[in-house]
């Protein structure tokens, strides 16, 4: 059986969220015909952008086949990274060990590469809804993921 993931780029997440139950129901007639339980788990990773660990990003780049010299440049640009704040006129310098740089044009790509690396490591076998000889187990759009399983027991380990 072929396992697939559908990546959705052409429409907004609001449209997807509104139409997903109908899409799954009509596309997978067996869900309706055999009254198979369906669990849709909506995950918003907006806050994860600020909490992803630098080492996870660098490891994901290596797994994606990024040349070592480029990874070394990213490592150097993220090492000794600090931010400064001045509450009540006192300067405080904070070491930054998590997150990707906001406003940097490369940052969304780094986050996406890290997310893709994590998604590949998950065990998708026997999870999802069968459509002919394919298995649909998740949909992704930007920082949103929708897990499609046949019940809570399949969704929990993910």
C-alpha atoms as a PDB file:
ATOM      1  CA  UNK A   1       0.000   0.000   0.000  1.00  0.00           C
ATOM      2  CA  UNK A   2       1.312   3.445  -0.894  1.00  0.00           C
ATOM      3  CA  UNK A   3       1.399   6.036   1.895  1.00  0.00           C
ATOM      4  CA  UNK A   4       0.969   9.656   0.838  1.00  0.00           C
ATOM      5  CA  UNK A   5       0.778  13.092   2.345  1.00  0.00           C
ATOM      6  CA  UNK A   6      -1.009  15.920   0.602  1.00  0.00           C
ATOM      7  CA  UNK A   7       0.671  19.274   0.836  1.00  0.00           C
ATOM      8  CA  UNK A   8      -1.727  22.124   0.257  1.00  0.00           C
ATOM      9  CA  UNK A   9      -0.317  25.400  -1.004  1.00  0.00           C
ATOM     10  CA  UNK A  10      -3.067  26.878  -3.147  1.00  0.00           C
ATOM     11  CA  UNK A  11      -5.638  27.850  -0.550  1.00  0.00           C
ATOM     12  CA  UNK A  12      -5.822  29.476   2.833  1.00  0.00           C
ATOM     13  CA  UNK A  13      -5.965  27.458   6.022  1.00  0.00           C
ATOM     14  CA  UNK A  14      -9.382  28.910   6.852  1.00  0.00           C
ATOM     15  CA  UNK A  15     -10.809  27.460   3.657  1.00  0.00           C
ATOM     16  CA  UNK A  16      -9.172  24.129   4.375  1.00  0.00           C
ATOM     17  CA  UNK A  17     -10.466  24.031   7.944  1.00  0.00           C
ATOM     18  CA  UNK A  18     -14.017  24.778   6.810  1.00  0.00           C
ATOM     19  CA  UNK A  19     -14.070  22.298   3.941  1.00  0.00           C
ATOM     20  CA  UNK A  20     -11.932  19.458   5.288  1.00  0.00           C
ATOM     21  CA  UNK A  21     -14.647  17.271   6.851  1.00  0.00           C
ATOM     22  CA  UNK A  22     -16.675  17.410   3.631  1.00  0.00           C
ATOM     23  CA  UNK A  23     -13.560  16.814   1.516  1.00  0.00           C
ATOM     24  CA  UNK A  24     -12.551  13.744   3.498  1.00  0.00           C
ATOM     25  CA  UNK A  25     -16.112  12.451   3.644  1.00  0.00           C
ATOM     26  CA  UNK A  26     -16.711  12.722  -0.111  1.00  0.00           C
ATOM     27  CA  UNK A  27     -13.222  11.642  -1.166  1.00  0.00           C
ATOM     28  CA  UNK A  28     -13.166   8.610   1.060  1.00  0.00           C
ATOM     29  CA  UNK A  29     -16.510   6.995   0.449  1.00  0.00           C
ATOM     30  CA  UNK A  30     -15.539   4.052   2.656  1.00  0.00           C
ATOM     31  CA  UNK A  31     -15.557   6.394   5.680  1.00  0.00           C
ATOM     32  CA  UNK A  32     -19.224   7.127   5.107  1.00  0.00           C
ATOM     33  CA  UNK A  33     -20.265   3.779   3.644  1.00  0.00           C
ATOM     34  CA  UNK A  34     -18.771   1.631   6.407  1.00  0.00           C
ATOM     35  CA  UNK A  35     -19.211   4.245   9.147  1.00  0.00           C
ATOM     36  CA  UNK A  36     -15.510   4.225   9.931  1.00  0.00           C
ATOM     37  CA  UNK A  37     -14.675   6.570  12.819  1.00  0.00           C
ATOM     38  CA  UNK A  38     -12.660   9.572  11.731  1.00  0.00           C
ATOM     39  CA  UNK A  39     -10.498  11.753  13.969  1.00  0.00           C
ATOM     40  CA  UNK A  40      -9.132  15.053  12.642  1.00  0.00           C
ATOM     41  CA  UNK A  41      -6.462  16.579  14.893  1.00  0.00           C
ATOM     42  CA  UNK A  42      -5.684  20.220  14.093  1.00  0.00           C
ATOM     43  CA  UNK A  43      -2.194  21.385  15.086  1.00  0.00           C
ATOM     44  CA  UNK A  44      -1.071  25.017  14.822  1.00  0.00           C
ATOM     45  CA  UNK A  45       2.716  25.330  15.006  1.00  0.00           C
ATOM     46  CA  UNK A  46       2.876  29.136  15.009  1.00  0.00           C
ATOM     47  CA  UNK A  47       4.580  29.274  18.415  1.00  0.00           C
ATOM     48  CA  UNK A  48       6.986  26.468  17.482  1.00  0.00           C
ATOM     49  CA  UNK A  49       8.772  28.912  15.176  1.00  0.00           C
ATOM     50  CA  UNK A  50      10.222  30.582  18.278  1.00  0.00           C
ATOM     51  CA  UNK A  51      11.020  27.398  20.196  1.00  0.00           C
ATOM     52  CA  UNK A  52      12.735  25.135  17.671  1.00  0.00           C
ATOM     53  CA  UNK A  53      16.213  24.265  18.912  1.00  0.00           C
ATOM     54  CA  UNK A  54      19.164  25.356  16.810  1.00  0.00           C
ATOM     55  CA  UNK A  55      20.710  21.877  16.857  1.00  0.00           C
ATOM     56  CA  UNK A  56      17.472  20.393  15.479  1.00  0.00           C
ATOM     57  CA  UNK A  57      17.567  22.893  12.606  1.00  0.00           C
ATOM     58  CA  UNK A  58      21.193  22.077  11.807  1.00  0.00           C
ATOM     59  CA  UNK A  59      20.517  18.323  11.981  1.00  0.00           C
ATOM     60  CA  UNK A  60      17.536  18.720   9.637  1.00  0.00           C
ATOM     61  CA  UNK A  61      19.706  20.616   7.158  1.00  0.00           C
ATOM     62  CA  UNK A  62      22.187  17.744   7.186  1.00  0.00           C
ATOM     63  CA  UNK A  63      19.379  15.235   6.635  1.00  0.00           C
ATOM     64  CA  UNK A  64      18.101  17.348   3.714  1.00  0.00           C
ATOM     65  CA  UNK A  65      21.513  17.106   2.042  1.00  0.00           C
ATOM     66  CA  UNK A  66      22.657  20.686   2.595  1.00  0.00           C
ATOM     67  CA  UNK A  67      26.448  20.848   2.081  1.00  0.00           C
ATOM     68  CA  UNK A  68      28.539  20.820   5.258  1.00  0.00           C
ATOM     69  CA  UNK A  69      30.113  24.210   4.525  1.00  0.00           C
ATOM     70  CA  UNK A  70      26.651  25.827   4.407  1.00  0.00           C
ATOM     71  CA  UNK A  71      25.646  24.170   7.676  1.00  0.00           C
ATOM     72  CA  UNK A  72      28.862  25.488   9.219  1.00  0.00           C
ATOM     73  CA  UNK A  73      27.913  29.033   8.124  1.00  0.00           C
ATOM     74  CA  UNK A  74      24.455  28.668   9.719  1.00  0.00           C
ATOM     75  CA  UNK A  75      26.035  27.262  12.896  1.00  0.00           C
ATOM     76  CA  UNK A  76      28.392  30.249  13.115  1.00  0.00           C
ATOM     77  CA  UNK A  77      25.603  32.755  12.481  1.00  0.00           C
ATOM     78  CA  UNK A  78      23.518  31.227  15.287  1.00  0.00           C
ATOM     79  CA  UNK A  79      26.360  30.755  17.794  1.00  0.00           C
ATOM     80  CA  UNK A  80      26.916  33.503  20.336  1.00  0.00           C
ATOM     81  CA  UNK A  81      23.580  35.000  19.316  1.00  0.00           C
ATOM     82  CA  UNK A  82      22.224  37.417  21.911  1.00  0.00           C
ATOM     83  CA  UNK A  83      19.391  39.846  22.293  1.00  0.00           C
ATOM     84  CA  UNK A  84      19.321  42.918  24.473  1.00  0.00           C
ATOM     85  CA  UNK A  85      16.444  44.440  26.380  1.00  0.00           C
ATOM     86  CA  UNK A  86      16.273  47.446  28.679  1.00  0.00           C
ATOM     87  CA  UNK A  87      13.510  47.086  31.268  1.00  0.00           C
ATOM     88  CA  UNK A  88      13.502  49.971  33.731  1.00  0.00           C
ATOM     89  CA  UNK A  89      16.642  51.433  32.114  1.00  0.00           C
ATOM     90  CA  UNK A  90      18.785  48.394  32.988  1.00  0.00           C
ATOM     91  CA  UNK A  91      20.454  46.670  30.029  1.00  0.00           C
ATOM     92  CA  UNK A  92      20.025  42.908  30.049  1.00  0.00           C
ATOM     93  CA  UNK A  93      21.733  40.662  27.492  1.00  0.00           C
ATOM     94  CA  UNK A  94      20.128  37.261  26.881  1.00  0.00           C
ATOM     95  CA  UNK A  95      21.708  34.302  25.076  1.00  0.00           C
ATOM     96  CA  UNK A  96      19.434  32.979  22.325  1.00  0.00           C
ATOM     97  CA  UNK A  97      19.487  29.194  22.034  1.00  0.00           C
ATOM     98  CA  UNK A  98      16.112  28.544  20.443  1.00  0.00           C
ATOM     99  CA  UNK A  99      14.051  29.797  17.567  1.00  0.00           C
ATOM    100  CA  UNK A 100      14.960  31.000  14.136  1.00  0.00           C
ATOM    101  CA  UNK A 101      15.614  34.628  13.357  1.00  0.00           C
ATOM    102  CA  UNK A 102      12.486  36.681  12.720  1.00  0.00           C
ATOM    103  CA  UNK A 103      12.571  38.755   9.566  1.00  0.00           C
ATOM    104  CA  UNK A 104      15.359  36.674   8.045  1.00  0.00           C
ATOM    105  CA  UNK A 105      14.279  35.444   4.598  1.00  0.00           C
ATOM    106  CA  UNK A 106      15.906  32.059   5.241  1.00  0.00           C
ATOM    107  CA  UNK A 107      14.133  31.431   8.579  1.00  0.00           C
ATOM    108  CA  UNK A 108      10.828  30.060   7.208  1.00  0.00           C
ATOM    109  CA  UNK A 109      12.792  27.647   5.042  1.00  0.00           C
ATOM    110  CA  UNK A 110      14.839  26.516   8.045  1.00  0.00           C
ATOM    111  CA  UNK A 111      11.656  25.944  10.038  1.00  0.00           C
ATOM    112  CA  UNK A 112      10.054  24.049   7.137  1.00  0.00           C
ATOM    113  CA  UNK A 113      13.136  21.842   6.709  1.00  0.00           C
ATOM    114  CA  UNK A 114      13.072  21.027  10.426  1.00  0.00           C
ATOM    115  CA  UNK A 115       9.341  20.253  10.340  1.00  0.00           C
ATOM    116  CA  UNK A 116       9.808  18.041   7.268  1.00  0.00           C
ATOM    117  CA  UNK A 117      12.594  16.154   9.060  1.00  0.00           C
ATOM    118  CA  UNK A 118      10.334  15.527  12.064  1.00  0.00           C
ATOM    119  CA  UNK A 119       7.407  14.428   9.868  1.00  0.00           C
ATOM    120  CA  UNK A 120       9.624  11.885   8.066  1.00  0.00           C
ATOM    121  CA  UNK A 121      10.644  10.305  11.369  1.00  0.00           C
ATOM    122  CA  UNK A 122       7.078   9.648  12.493  1.00  0.00           C
ATOM    123  CA  UNK A 123       5.727   6.146  11.974  1.00  0.00           C
ATOM    124  CA  UNK A 124       2.846   6.540   9.536  1.00  0.00           C
ATOM    125  CA  UNK A 125       2.239   2.826   8.843  1.00  0.00           C
ATOM    126  CA  UNK A 126      -1.382   1.791   9.405  1.00  0.00           C
ATOM    127  CA  UNK A 127      -2.455   5.309  10.404  1.00  0.00           C
ATOM    128  CA  UNK A 128      -4.938   7.298   8.383  1.00  0.00           C
ATOM    129  CA  UNK A 129      -7.839   6.709   6.044  1.00  0.00           C
ATOM    130  CA  UNK A 130      -7.555   4.350   3.095  1.00  0.00           C
ATOM    131  CA  UNK A 131      -8.492   5.544  -0.391  1.00  0.00           C
ATOM    132  CA  UNK A 132      -8.183   2.683  -2.879  1.00  0.00           C
ATOM    133  CA  UNK A 133      -4.532   1.667  -2.475  1.00  0.00           C
ATOM    134  CA  UNK A 134      -3.401   4.892  -0.774  1.00  0.00           C
ATOM    135  CA  UNK A 135      -3.387   6.026   2.822  1.00  0.00           C
ATOM    136  CA  UNK A 136      -4.047   9.685   3.709  1.00  0.00           C
ATOM    137  CA  UNK A 137      -2.669  10.453   7.161  1.00  0.00           C
ATOM    138  CA  UNK A 138      -2.048  14.184   7.247  1.00  0.00           C
ATOM    139  CA  UNK A 139      -2.478  17.500   5.482  1.00  0.00           C
ATOM    140  CA  UNK A 140      -0.044  20.381   5.842  1.00  0.00           C
ATOM    141  CA  UNK A 141      -0.306  24.064   5.075  1.00  0.00           C
ATOM    142  CA  UNK A 142       2.443  26.427   6.274  1.00  0.00           C
ATOM    143  CA  UNK A 143       2.544  26.002  10.071  1.00  0.00           C
ATOM    144  CA  UNK A 144      -0.702  23.995  10.266  1.00  0.00           C
ATOM    145  CA  UNK A 145      -0.957  20.212  10.322  1.00  0.00           C
ATOM    146  CA  UNK A 146      -4.108  18.130  10.291  1.00  0.00           C
ATOM    147  CA  UNK A 147      -3.646  14.515  11.365  1.00  0.00           C
ATOM    148  CA  UNK A 148      -6.227  12.169   9.872  1.00  0.00           C
ATOM    149  CA  UNK A 149      -6.705   8.990  11.883  1.00  0.00           C
ATOM    150  CA  UNK A 150      -9.413   6.449  12.620  1.00  0.00           C
ATOM    151  CA  UNK A 151      -9.669   7.426  16.264  1.00  0.00           C
ATOM    152  CA  UNK A 152      -8.025   9.075  19.253  1.00  0.00           C
ATOM    153  CA  UNK A 153      -5.886   6.013  19.953  1.00  0.00           C
ATOM    154  CA  UNK A 154      -4.092   6.474  16.608  1.00  0.00           C
ATOM    155  CA  UNK A 155      -3.725  10.236  17.022  1.00  0.00           C
ATOM    156  CA  UNK A 156      -2.304  10.244  20.571  1.00  0.00           C
ATOM    157  CA  UNK A 157       1.141   8.729  19.810  1.00  0.00           C
ATOM    158  CA  UNK A 158       1.700  11.213  16.998  1.00  0.00           C
END
